[in-house]
Amino acid sequence: MRIGSSIALIVIGAILAFAINAEVPYISLDLIGYILIAAGVIGLIWSLLASNRSRVSVSRTVQDPNTGETVRRTETRDGI
């Protein structure tokens, strides 16, 4: 779940919880709205924490013994 979909869940949940006053048998629109708001908040927190991961870059420079050419290698990986 990304940031945009989390915000969309929060907005849809708020509309169901606070703006709609329809009575549907056996379904509480207020409860569904609160559940969607909670899912959106959890997804938003998860997305923000996942996007804040650190990246690790390692660079190595090696000289080829046969040709004398300098080779540079850079590796990038995601940290936790």
PDB file of N, CA and C in Angstrom:
ATOM      1  N   MET A   1       0.850  -1.158   0.000  1.00  0.00           N
ATOM      2  CA  MET A   1       0.000   0.000   0.000  1.00  0.00           C
ATOM      3  C   MET A   1       0.905   1.233   0.000  1.00  0.00           C
ATOM      4  N   ARG A   2       0.652   2.132  -0.894  1.00  0.00           N
ATOM      5  CA  ARG A   2       1.452   3.345  -1.008  1.00  0.00           C
ATOM      6  C   ARG A   2       0.771   4.499  -0.275  1.00  0.00           C
ATOM      7  N   ILE A   3       1.422   5.642  -0.281  1.00  0.00           N
ATOM      8  CA  ILE A   3       0.914   6.800   0.448  1.00  0.00           C
ATOM      9  C   ILE A   3      -0.419   7.266  -0.126  1.00  0.00           C
ATOM     10  N   GLY A   4      -0.536   7.298  -1.442  1.00  0.00           N
ATOM     11  CA  GLY A   4      -1.775   7.764  -2.074  1.00  0.00           C
ATOM     12  C   GLY A   4      -2.968   6.886  -1.761  1.00  0.00           C
ATOM     13  N   SER A   5      -2.777   5.576  -1.806  1.00  0.00           N
ATOM     14  CA  SER A   5      -3.897   4.686  -1.505  1.00  0.00           C
ATOM     15  C   SER A   5      -4.248   4.737  -0.018  1.00  0.00           C
ATOM     16  N   SER A   6      -3.273   4.973   0.836  1.00  0.00           N
ATOM     17  CA  SER A   6      -3.562   5.112   2.266  1.00  0.00           C
ATOM     18  C   SER A   6      -4.400   6.355   2.530  1.00  0.00           C
ATOM     19  N   ILE A   7      -4.046   7.455   1.883  1.00  0.00           N
ATOM     20  CA  ILE A   7      -4.825   8.681   2.044  1.00  0.00           C
ATOM     21  C   ILE A   7      -6.229   8.495   1.469  1.00  0.00           C
ATOM     22  N   ALA A   8      -6.338   7.767   0.360  1.00  0.00           N
ATOM     23  CA  ALA A   8      -7.656   7.493  -0.228  1.00  0.00           C
ATOM     24  C   ALA A   8      -8.524   6.683   0.738  1.00  0.00           C
ATOM     25  N   LEU A   9      -7.938   5.682   1.409  1.00  0.00           N
ATOM     26  CA  LEU A   9      -8.698   4.910   2.391  1.00  0.00           C
ATOM     27  C   LEU A   9      -9.157   5.789   3.557  1.00  0.00           C
ATOM     28  N   ILE A  10      -8.301   6.685   4.004  1.00  0.00           N
ATOM     29  CA  ILE A  10      -8.676   7.586   5.098  1.00  0.00           C
ATOM     30  C   ILE A  10      -9.836   8.479   4.670  1.00  0.00           C
ATOM     31  N   VAL A  11      -9.775   9.016   3.452  1.00  0.00           N
ATOM     32  CA  VAL A  11     -10.830   9.910   2.968  1.00  0.00           C
ATOM     33  C   VAL A  11     -12.150   9.157   2.788  1.00  0.00           C
ATOM     34  N   ILE A  12     -12.093   7.980   2.182  1.00  0.00           N
ATOM     35  CA  ILE A  12     -13.322   7.197   1.987  1.00  0.00           C
ATOM     36  C   ILE A  12     -13.910   6.799   3.337  1.00  0.00           C
ATOM     37  N   GLY A  13     -13.056   6.413   4.271  1.00  0.00           N
ATOM     38  CA  GLY A  13     -13.535   6.067   5.604  1.00  0.00           C
ATOM     39  C   GLY A  13     -14.161   7.250   6.324  1.00  0.00           C
ATOM     40  N   ALA A  14     -13.567   8.431   6.177  1.00  0.00           N
ATOM     41  CA  ALA A  14     -14.134   9.629   6.811  1.00  0.00           C
ATOM     42  C   ALA A  14     -15.482   9.988   6.189  1.00  0.00           C
ATOM     43  N   ILE A  15     -15.598   9.819   4.888  1.00  0.00           N
ATOM     44  CA  ILE A  15     -16.890  10.088   4.233  1.00  0.00           C
ATOM     45  C   ILE A  15     -17.948   9.128   4.747  1.00  0.00           C
ATOM     46  N   LEU A  16     -17.605   7.853   4.847  1.00  0.00           N
ATOM     47  CA  LEU A  16     -18.579   6.876   5.346  1.00  0.00           C
ATOM     48  C   LEU A  16     -18.917   7.118   6.817  1.00  0.00           C
ATOM     49  N   ALA A  17     -17.934   7.483   7.617  1.00  0.00           N
ATOM     50  CA  ALA A  17     -18.161   7.628   9.049  1.00  0.00           C
ATOM     51  C   ALA A  17     -18.881   8.922   9.410  1.00  0.00           C
ATOM     52  N   PHE A  18     -18.576  10.012   8.708  1.00  0.00           N
ATOM     53  CA  PHE A  18     -19.075  11.304   9.157  1.00  0.00           C
ATOM     54  C   PHE A  18     -20.079  11.972   8.229  1.00  0.00           C
ATOM     55  N   ALA A  19     -20.085  11.633   6.938  1.00  0.00           N
ATOM     56  CA  ALA A  19     -20.902  12.391   5.998  1.00  0.00           C
ATOM     57  C   ALA A  19     -22.159  11.661   5.539  1.00  0.00           C
ATOM     58  N   ILE A  20     -22.157  10.362   5.562  1.00  0.00           N
ATOM     59  CA  ILE A  20     -23.311   9.606   5.050  1.00  0.00           C
ATOM     60  C   ILE A  20     -24.183   9.170   6.215  1.00  0.00           C
ATOM     61  N   ASN A  21     -25.457   9.481   6.115  1.00  0.00           N
ATOM     62  CA  ASN A  21     -26.418   9.103   7.152  1.00  0.00           C
ATOM     63  C   ASN A  21     -27.466   8.144   6.595  1.00  0.00           C
ATOM     64  N   ALA A  22     -27.058   7.170   5.828  1.00  0.00           N
ATOM     65  CA  ALA A  22     -27.980   6.185   5.271  1.00  0.00           C
ATOM     66  C   ALA A  22     -28.073   5.000   6.219  1.00  0.00           C
ATOM     67  N   GLU A  23     -29.240   4.378   6.235  1.00  0.00           N
ATOM     68  CA  GLU A  23     -29.422   3.196   7.066  1.00  0.00           C
ATOM     69  C   GLU A  23     -29.490   1.974   6.166  1.00  0.00           C
ATOM     70  N   VAL A  24     -28.491   1.144   6.279  1.00  0.00           N
ATOM     71  CA  VAL A  24     -28.419  -0.090   5.514  1.00  0.00           C
ATOM     72  C   VAL A  24     -28.621  -1.232   6.501  1.00  0.00           C
ATOM     73  N   PRO A  25     -29.578  -2.140   6.206  1.00  0.00           N
ATOM     74  CA  PRO A  25     -29.829  -3.224   7.164  1.00  0.00           C
ATOM     75  C   PRO A  25     -28.599  -4.124   7.342  1.00  0.00           C
ATOM     76  N   TYR A  26     -28.305  -4.469   8.579  1.00  0.00           N
ATOM     77  CA  TYR A  26     -27.220  -5.361   8.980  1.00  0.00           C
ATOM     78  C   TYR A  26     -25.814  -4.810   8.718  1.00  0.00           C
ATOM     79  N   ILE A  27     -25.698  -3.566   8.287  1.00  0.00           N
ATOM     80  CA  ILE A  27     -24.384  -2.977   8.016  1.00  0.00           C
ATOM     81  C   ILE A  27     -24.297  -1.620   8.708  1.00  0.00           C
ATOM     82  N   SER A  28     -23.251  -1.412   9.456  1.00  0.00           N
ATOM     83  CA  SER A  28     -23.005  -0.127  10.087  1.00  0.00           C
ATOM     84  C   SER A  28     -21.966   0.626   9.257  1.00  0.00           C
ATOM     85  N   LEU A  29     -22.417   1.648   8.547  1.00  0.00           N
ATOM     86  CA  LEU A  29     -21.502   2.422   7.718  1.00  0.00           C
ATOM     87  C   LEU A  29     -20.488   3.183   8.569  1.00  0.00           C
ATOM     88  N   ASP A  30     -20.887   3.560   9.778  1.00  0.00           N
ATOM     89  CA  ASP A  30     -19.941   4.227  10.672  1.00  0.00           C
ATOM     90  C   ASP A  30     -18.776   3.300  11.026  1.00  0.00           C
ATOM     91  N   LEU A  31     -19.097   2.050  11.358  1.00  0.00           N
ATOM     92  CA  LEU A  31     -18.052   1.096  11.714  1.00  0.00           C
ATOM     93  C   LEU A  31     -17.141   0.804  10.523  1.00  0.00           C
ATOM     94  N   ILE A  32     -17.708   0.640   9.345  1.00  0.00           N
ATOM     95  CA  ILE A  32     -16.905   0.416   8.144  1.00  0.00           C
ATOM     96  C   ILE A  32     -15.998   1.623   7.890  1.00  0.00           C
ATOM     97  N   GLY A  33     -16.530   2.823   8.095  1.00  0.00           N
ATOM     98  CA  GLY A  33     -15.726   4.031   7.931  1.00  0.00           C
ATOM     99  C   GLY A  33     -14.559   4.079   8.897  1.00  0.00           C
ATOM    100  N   TYR A  34     -14.812   3.734  10.168  1.00  0.00           N
ATOM    101  CA  TYR A  34     -13.730   3.733  11.152  1.00  0.00           C
ATOM    102  C   TYR A  34     -12.679   2.665  10.829  1.00  0.00           C
ATOM    103  N   ILE A  35     -13.118   1.522  10.339  1.00  0.00           N
ATOM    104  CA  ILE A  35     -12.177   0.470   9.952  1.00  0.00           C
ATOM    105  C   ILE A  35     -11.310   0.937   8.787  1.00  0.00           C
ATOM    106  N   LEU A  36     -11.911   1.602   7.801  1.00  0.00           N
ATOM    107  CA  LEU A  36     -11.138   2.107   6.665  1.00  0.00           C
ATOM    108  C   LEU A  36     -10.160   3.197   7.097  1.00  0.00           C
ATOM    109  N   ILE A  37     -10.574   4.049   8.018  1.00  0.00           N
ATOM    110  CA  ILE A  37      -9.668   5.083   8.537  1.00  0.00           C
ATOM    111  C   ILE A  37      -8.479   4.429   9.235  1.00  0.00           C
ATOM    112  N   ALA A  38      -8.742   3.428  10.063  1.00  0.00           N
ATOM    113  CA  ALA A  38      -7.650   2.744  10.771  1.00  0.00           C
ATOM    114  C   ALA A  38      -6.708   2.048   9.788  1.00  0.00           C
ATOM    115  N   ALA A  39      -7.272   1.389   8.774  1.00  0.00           N
ATOM    116  CA  ALA A  39      -6.429   0.718   7.779  1.00  0.00           C
ATOM    117  C   ALA A  39      -5.595   1.740   7.010  1.00  0.00           C
ATOM    118  N   GLY A  40      -6.172   2.884   6.702  1.00  0.00           N
ATOM    119  CA  GLY A  40      -5.431   3.926   6.003  1.00  0.00           C
ATOM    120  C   GLY A  40      -4.306   4.504   6.840  1.00  0.00           C
ATOM    121  N   VAL A  41      -4.549   4.706   8.125  1.00  0.00           N
ATOM    122  CA  VAL A  41      -3.507   5.241   9.016  1.00  0.00           C
ATOM    123  C   VAL A  41      -2.370   4.233   9.158  1.00  0.00           C
ATOM    124  N   ILE A  42      -2.712   2.958   9.332  1.00  0.00           N
ATOM    125  CA  ILE A  42      -1.681   1.925   9.436  1.00  0.00           C
ATOM    126  C   ILE A  42      -0.885   1.841   8.130  1.00  0.00           C
ATOM    127  N   GLY A  43      -1.569   1.886   7.001  1.00  0.00           N
ATOM    128  CA  GLY A  43      -0.880   1.851   5.713  1.00  0.00           C
ATOM    129  C   GLY A  43      -0.005   3.070   5.492  1.00  0.00           C
ATOM    130  N   LEU A  44      -0.461   4.233   5.947  1.00  0.00           N
ATOM    131  CA  LEU A  44       0.337   5.456   5.802  1.00  0.00           C
ATOM    132  C   LEU A  44       1.613   5.383   6.634  1.00  0.00           C
ATOM    133  N   ILE A  45       1.490   4.910   7.859  1.00  0.00           N
ATOM    134  CA  ILE A  45       2.670   4.756   8.715  1.00  0.00           C
ATOM    135  C   ILE A  45       3.629   3.744   8.098  1.00  0.00           C
ATOM    136  N   TRP A  46       3.096   2.627   7.610  1.00  0.00           N
ATOM    137  CA  TRP A  46       3.921   1.591   6.980  1.00  0.00           C
ATOM    138  C   TRP A  46       4.647   2.150   5.755  1.00  0.00           C
ATOM    139  N   SER A  47       3.929   2.919   4.928  1.00  0.00           N
ATOM    140  CA  SER A  47       4.534   3.483   3.724  1.00  0.00           C
ATOM    141  C   SER A  47       5.636   4.476   4.063  1.00  0.00           C
ATOM    142  N   LEU A  48       5.407   5.301   5.057  1.00  0.00           N
ATOM    143  CA  LEU A  48       6.428   6.283   5.445  1.00  0.00           C
ATOM    144  C   LEU A  48       7.662   5.610   6.022  1.00  0.00           C
ATOM    145  N   LEU A  49       7.465   4.554   6.800  1.00  0.00           N
ATOM    146  CA  LEU A  49       8.613   3.838   7.344  1.00  0.00           C
ATOM    147  C   LEU A  49       9.359   3.090   6.248  1.00  0.00           C
ATOM    148  N   ALA A  50       8.651   2.524   5.293  1.00  0.00           N
ATOM    149  CA  ALA A  50       9.300   1.773   4.216  1.00  0.00           C
ATOM    150  C   ALA A  50      10.048   2.699   3.262  1.00  0.00           C
ATOM    151  N   SER A  51       9.550   3.906   3.062  1.00  0.00           N
ATOM    152  CA  SER A  51      10.231   4.822   2.156  1.00  0.00           C
ATOM    153  C   SER A  51      11.436   5.483   2.803  1.00  0.00           C
ATOM    154  N   ASN A  52      11.580   5.336   4.107  1.00  0.00           N
ATOM    155  CA  ASN A  52      12.679   5.959   4.838  1.00  0.00           C
ATOM    156  C   ASN A  52      13.850   4.992   5.026  1.00  0.00           C
ATOM    157  N   ARG A  53      13.868   3.900   4.279  1.00  0.00           N
ATOM    158  CA  ARG A  53      14.964   2.946   4.390  1.00  0.00           C
ATOM    159  C   ARG A  53      16.261   3.567   3.883  1.00  0.00           C
ATOM    160  N   SER A  54      17.343   3.131   4.441  1.00  0.00           N
ATOM    161  CA  SER A  54      18.640   3.656   4.021  1.00  0.00           C
ATOM    162  C   SER A  54      19.203   2.801   2.888  1.00  0.00           C
ATOM    163  N   ARG A  55      20.025   3.419   2.070  1.00  0.00           N
ATOM    164  CA  ARG A  55      20.697   2.710   0.996  1.00  0.00           C
ATOM    165  C   ARG A  55      22.180   2.663   1.304  1.00  0.00           C
ATOM    166  N   VAL A  56      22.784   1.544   0.978  1.00  0.00           N
ATOM    167  CA  VAL A  56      24.203   1.349   1.213  1.00  0.00           C
ATOM    168  C   VAL A  56      24.895   1.266  -0.146  1.00  0.00           C
ATOM    169  N   SER A  57      25.888   2.115  -0.357  1.00  0.00           N
ATOM    170  CA  SER A  57      26.656   2.100  -1.600  1.00  0.00           C
ATOM    171  C   SER A  57      28.089   1.709  -1.295  1.00  0.00           C
ATOM    172  N   VAL A  58      28.610   0.778  -2.096  1.00  0.00           N
ATOM    173  CA  VAL A  58      29.984   0.334  -1.947  1.00  0.00           C
ATOM    174  C   VAL A  58      30.679   0.526  -3.279  1.00  0.00           C
ATOM    175  N   SER A  59      31.790   1.239  -3.277  1.00  0.00           N
ATOM    176  CA  SER A  59      32.564   1.469  -4.501  1.00  0.00           C
ATOM    177  C   SER A  59      33.915   0.788  -4.373  1.00  0.00           C
ATOM    178  N   ARG A  60      34.333   0.115  -5.462  1.00  0.00           N
ATOM    179  CA  ARG A  60      35.645  -0.527  -5.501  1.00  0.00           C
ATOM    180  C   ARG A  60      36.355  -0.129  -6.789  1.00  0.00           C
ATOM    181  N   THR A  61      37.631   0.150  -6.662  1.00  0.00           N
ATOM    182  CA  THR A  61      38.451   0.462  -7.829  1.00  0.00           C
ATOM    183  C   THR A  61      39.581  -0.565  -7.897  1.00  0.00           C
ATOM    184  N   VAL A  62      39.656  -1.240  -9.048  1.00  0.00           N
ATOM    185  CA  VAL A  62      40.646  -2.294  -9.226  1.00  0.00           C
ATOM    186  C   VAL A  62      41.371  -2.037 -10.541  1.00  0.00           C
ATOM    187  N   GLN A  63      42.663  -2.320 -10.561  1.00  0.00           N
ATOM    188  CA  GLN A  63      43.425  -2.179 -11.794  1.00  0.00           C
ATOM    189  C   GLN A  63      43.632  -3.567 -12.401  1.00  0.00           C
ATOM    190  N   ASP A  64      43.246  -3.692 -13.664  1.00  0.00           N
ATOM    191  CA  ASP A  64      43.390  -4.958 -14.381  1.00  0.00           C
ATOM    192  C   ASP A  64      44.877  -5.212 -14.634  1.00  0.00           C
ATOM    193  N   PRO A  65      45.414  -6.379 -14.177  1.00  0.00           N
ATOM    194  CA  PRO A  65      46.852  -6.625 -14.323  1.00  0.00           C
ATOM    195  C   PRO A  65      47.286  -6.853 -15.778  1.00  0.00           C
ATOM    196  N   ASN A  66      46.393  -7.321 -16.630  1.00  0.00           N
ATOM    197  CA  ASN A  66      46.779  -7.604 -18.015  1.00  0.00           C
ATOM    198  C   ASN A  66      46.846  -6.344 -18.864  1.00  0.00           C
ATOM    199  N   THR A  67      45.840  -5.500 -18.753  1.00  0.00           N
ATOM    200  CA  THR A  67      45.777  -4.317 -19.615  1.00  0.00           C
ATOM    201  C   THR A  67      46.191  -3.037 -18.909  1.00  0.00           C
ATOM    202  N   GLY A  68      46.222  -3.058 -17.598  1.00  0.00           N
ATOM    203  CA  GLY A  68      46.550  -1.856 -16.850  1.00  0.00           C
ATOM    204  C   GLY A  68      45.377  -0.891 -16.740  1.00  0.00           C
ATOM    205  N   GLU A  69      44.222  -1.317 -17.195  1.00  0.00           N
ATOM    206  CA  GLU A  69      43.029  -0.476 -17.174  1.00  0.00           C
ATOM    207  C   GLU A  69      42.433  -0.457 -15.774  1.00  0.00           C
ATOM    208  N   THR A  70      41.942   0.700 -15.351  1.00  0.00           N
ATOM    209  CA  THR A  70      41.311   0.842 -14.043  1.00  0.00           C
ATOM    210  C   THR A  70      39.816   0.563 -14.187  1.00  0.00           C
ATOM    211  N   VAL A  71      39.331  -0.362 -13.361  1.00  0.00           N
ATOM    212  CA  VAL A  71      37.923  -0.753 -13.387  1.00  0.00           C
ATOM    213  C   VAL A  71      37.301  -0.297 -12.083  1.00  0.00           C
ATOM    214  N   ARG A  72      36.181   0.396 -12.196  1.00  0.00           N
ATOM    215  CA  ARG A  72      35.476   0.877 -11.010  1.00  0.00           C
ATOM    216  C   ARG A  72      34.111   0.220 -10.954  1.00  0.00           C
ATOM    217  N   ARG A  73      33.776  -0.361  -9.821  1.00  0.00           N
ATOM    218  CA  ARG A  73      32.497  -1.039  -9.634  1.00  0.00           C
ATOM    219  C   ARG A  73      31.776  -0.407  -8.448  1.00  0.00           C
ATOM    220  N   THR A  74      30.503  -0.071  -8.644  1.00  0.00           N
ATOM    221  CA  THR A  74      29.682   0.506  -7.581  1.00  0.00           C
ATOM    222  C   THR A  74      28.460  -0.382  -7.389  1.00  0.00           C
ATOM    223  N   GLU A  75      28.242  -0.816  -6.155  1.00  0.00           N
ATOM    224  CA  GLU A  75      27.079  -1.627  -5.820  1.00  0.00           C
ATOM    225  C   GLU A  75      26.211  -0.844  -4.850  1.00  0.00           C
ATOM    226  N   THR A  76      24.919  -0.840  -5.099  1.00  0.00           N
ATOM    227  CA  THR A  76      23.966  -0.172  -4.219  1.00  0.00           C
ATOM    228  C   THR A  76      22.924  -1.187  -3.789  1.00  0.00           C
ATOM    229  N   ARG A  77      22.676  -1.245  -2.489  1.00  0.00           N
ATOM    230  CA  ARG A  77      21.638  -2.141  -1.994  1.00  0.00           C
ATOM    231  C   ARG A  77      20.862  -1.439  -0.893  1.00  0.00           C
ATOM    232  N   ASP A  78      19.650  -1.892  -0.681  1.00  0.00           N
ATOM    233  CA  ASP A  78      18.793  -1.289   0.340  1.00  0.00           C
ATOM    234  C   ASP A  78      19.140  -1.843   1.695  1.00  0.00           C
ATOM    235  N   GLY A  79      19.210  -0.964   2.665  1.00  0.00           N
ATOM    236  CA  GLY A  79      19.420  -1.385   4.043  1.00  0.00           C
ATOM    237  C   GLY A  79      18.080  -1.572   4.723  1.00  0.00           C
ATOM    238  N   ILE A  80      18.122  -1.968   5.958  1.00  0.00           N
ATOM    239  CA  ILE A  80      16.860  -2.191   6.695  1.00  0.00           C
ATOM    240  C   ILE A  80      16.500  -0.963   7.468  1.00  0.00           C
TER     241      ILE A  80
END
